[in-house]
Amino acid sequence: MSMLAAFAAATRELLDQGALGEQGTVVRGAAEPVALLLFVDDAVQDVGQYGRVVGNKRVISMMRADWLPVRGDVITVRDRAAKVDEILADDGIVVTVVMHG
């Protein structure tokens, strides 16, 4: 097993534990929703360099093998739907996106 495959298997195992992964759906365009497990990070962030502005952010991560998100996809999790605003990271195993709204 390659190193990438080993890390993907370990990440999948963590996601499947239920304590880390949460059930959600993703929709692209007019297609039917696709159910998948997501890592959800709801947090507060400092915005700006010279003054303090606090804003809410939602960052969602998913297994790349389950879904390869693009801007405009609508993800619903924790009873809240939002569009993918930005692809933050893609390491070949996990894709992390920032949600709009």
Protein backbone atom coordinates (compact mmCIF):
# COMPACT_ATOMS: atom_id res chain seq x y z
CA MET A 1 0.00 0.00 0.00
CA SER A 2 1.38 3.40 -0.95
CA MET A 3 1.85 6.13 1.65
CA LEU A 4 -1.00 8.18 0.12
CA ALA A 5 -3.34 5.16 0.24
CA ALA A 6 -2.39 4.49 3.88
CA PHE A 7 -3.15 8.09 4.89
CA ALA A 8 -6.43 8.00 2.95
CA ALA A 9 -7.46 4.79 4.74
CA ALA A 10 -6.61 6.28 8.15
CA THR A 11 -8.53 9.48 7.35
CA ARG A 12 -11.54 7.43 6.18
CA GLU A 13 -11.45 5.45 9.43
CA LEU A 14 -11.48 8.65 11.50
CA LEU A 15 -14.32 10.12 9.45
CA ASP A 16 -16.40 6.94 9.77
CA GLN A 17 -16.15 6.91 13.57
CA GLY A 18 -19.14 9.24 13.81
CA ALA A 19 -17.53 11.43 16.44
CA LEU A 20 -15.63 13.38 13.78
CA GLY A 21 -17.73 12.94 10.66
CA GLU A 22 -21.21 14.39 10.29
CA GLN A 23 -23.80 13.40 7.74
CA GLY A 24 -24.54 16.06 5.12
CA THR A 25 -25.52 16.49 1.50
CA VAL A 26 -24.02 18.29 -1.47
CA VAL A 27 -25.79 19.45 -4.62
CA ARG A 28 -24.32 20.67 -7.89
CA GLY A 29 -26.70 22.52 -10.17
CA ALA A 30 -30.02 20.76 -10.70
CA ALA A 31 -28.70 17.28 -9.80
CA GLU A 32 -30.05 15.23 -6.92
CA PRO A 33 -28.37 15.68 -3.51
CA VAL A 34 -25.49 13.33 -2.71
CA ALA A 35 -25.11 12.17 0.91
CA LEU A 36 -21.61 12.10 2.39
CA LEU A 37 -19.70 12.43 5.64
CA LEU A 38 -18.15 15.82 6.36
CA PHE A 39 -15.75 17.37 8.85
CA VAL A 40 -17.33 20.65 10.01
CA ASP A 41 -15.39 23.51 11.62
CA ASP A 42 -17.55 26.40 12.79
CA ALA A 43 -15.27 29.03 14.24
CA VAL A 44 -14.65 32.72 14.80
CA GLN A 45 -11.82 34.41 12.94
CA ASP A 46 -10.01 37.70 13.10
CA VAL A 47 -10.24 39.60 9.84
CA GLY A 48 -7.85 42.36 8.88
CA GLN A 49 -4.40 43.38 9.89
CA TYR A 50 -4.76 46.76 11.61
CA GLY A 51 -8.05 46.56 13.44
CA ARG A 52 -9.94 43.73 15.00
CA VAL A 53 -13.02 42.57 13.15
CA VAL A 54 -14.48 39.27 14.21
CA GLY A 55 -16.40 37.18 11.72
CA ASN A 56 -17.91 33.72 11.66
CA LYS A 57 -16.59 31.16 9.26
CA ARG A 58 -17.60 27.65 8.32
CA VAL A 59 -14.95 25.37 6.91
CA ILE A 60 -15.97 21.93 5.67
CA SER A 61 -13.68 19.08 4.70
CA MET A 62 -14.55 15.91 2.83
CA MET A 63 -12.81 12.91 1.36
CA ARG A 64 -11.70 13.70 -2.18
CA ALA A 65 -12.78 10.21 -3.25
CA ASP A 66 -16.37 10.98 -2.14
CA TRP A 67 -16.78 14.37 -3.80
CA LEU A 68 -14.58 16.90 -5.57
CA PRO A 69 -16.25 20.24 -4.76
CA VAL A 70 -16.34 23.32 -6.98
CA ARG A 71 -17.43 26.87 -6.26
CA GLY A 72 -21.19 27.10 -6.24
CA ASP A 73 -21.90 23.60 -4.89
CA VAL A 74 -24.48 23.76 -2.10
CA ILE A 75 -23.60 21.82 1.05
CA THR A 76 -26.17 21.19 3.77
CA VAL A 77 -25.04 20.11 7.22
CA ARG A 78 -26.21 20.94 10.76
CA ASP A 79 -29.53 22.14 9.28
CA ARG A 80 -27.79 24.91 7.33
CA ALA A 81 -27.24 25.13 3.58
CA ALA A 82 -24.55 27.32 2.04
CA LYS A 83 -22.62 27.63 -1.20
CA VAL A 84 -18.97 26.74 -1.54
CA ASP A 85 -17.20 30.07 -1.72
CA GLU A 86 -13.58 28.95 -1.99
CA ILE A 87 -11.54 25.76 -2.23
CA LEU A 88 -9.13 26.26 0.65
CA ALA A 89 -6.98 23.13 0.35
CA ASP A 90 -6.73 19.87 -1.57
CA ASP A 91 -4.00 17.50 -0.41
CA GLY A 92 -5.09 14.60 -2.58
CA ILE A 93 -6.95 12.93 0.29
CA VAL A 94 -9.11 15.64 1.87
CA VAL A 95 -10.59 18.72 0.20
CA THR A 96 -11.35 21.71 2.45
CA VAL A 97 -13.78 24.45 1.44
CA VAL A 98 -14.94 27.75 2.90
CA MET A 99 -18.69 28.33 2.90
CA HIS A 100 -20.46 31.55 1.95
CA GLY A 101 -23.06 32.99 4.29
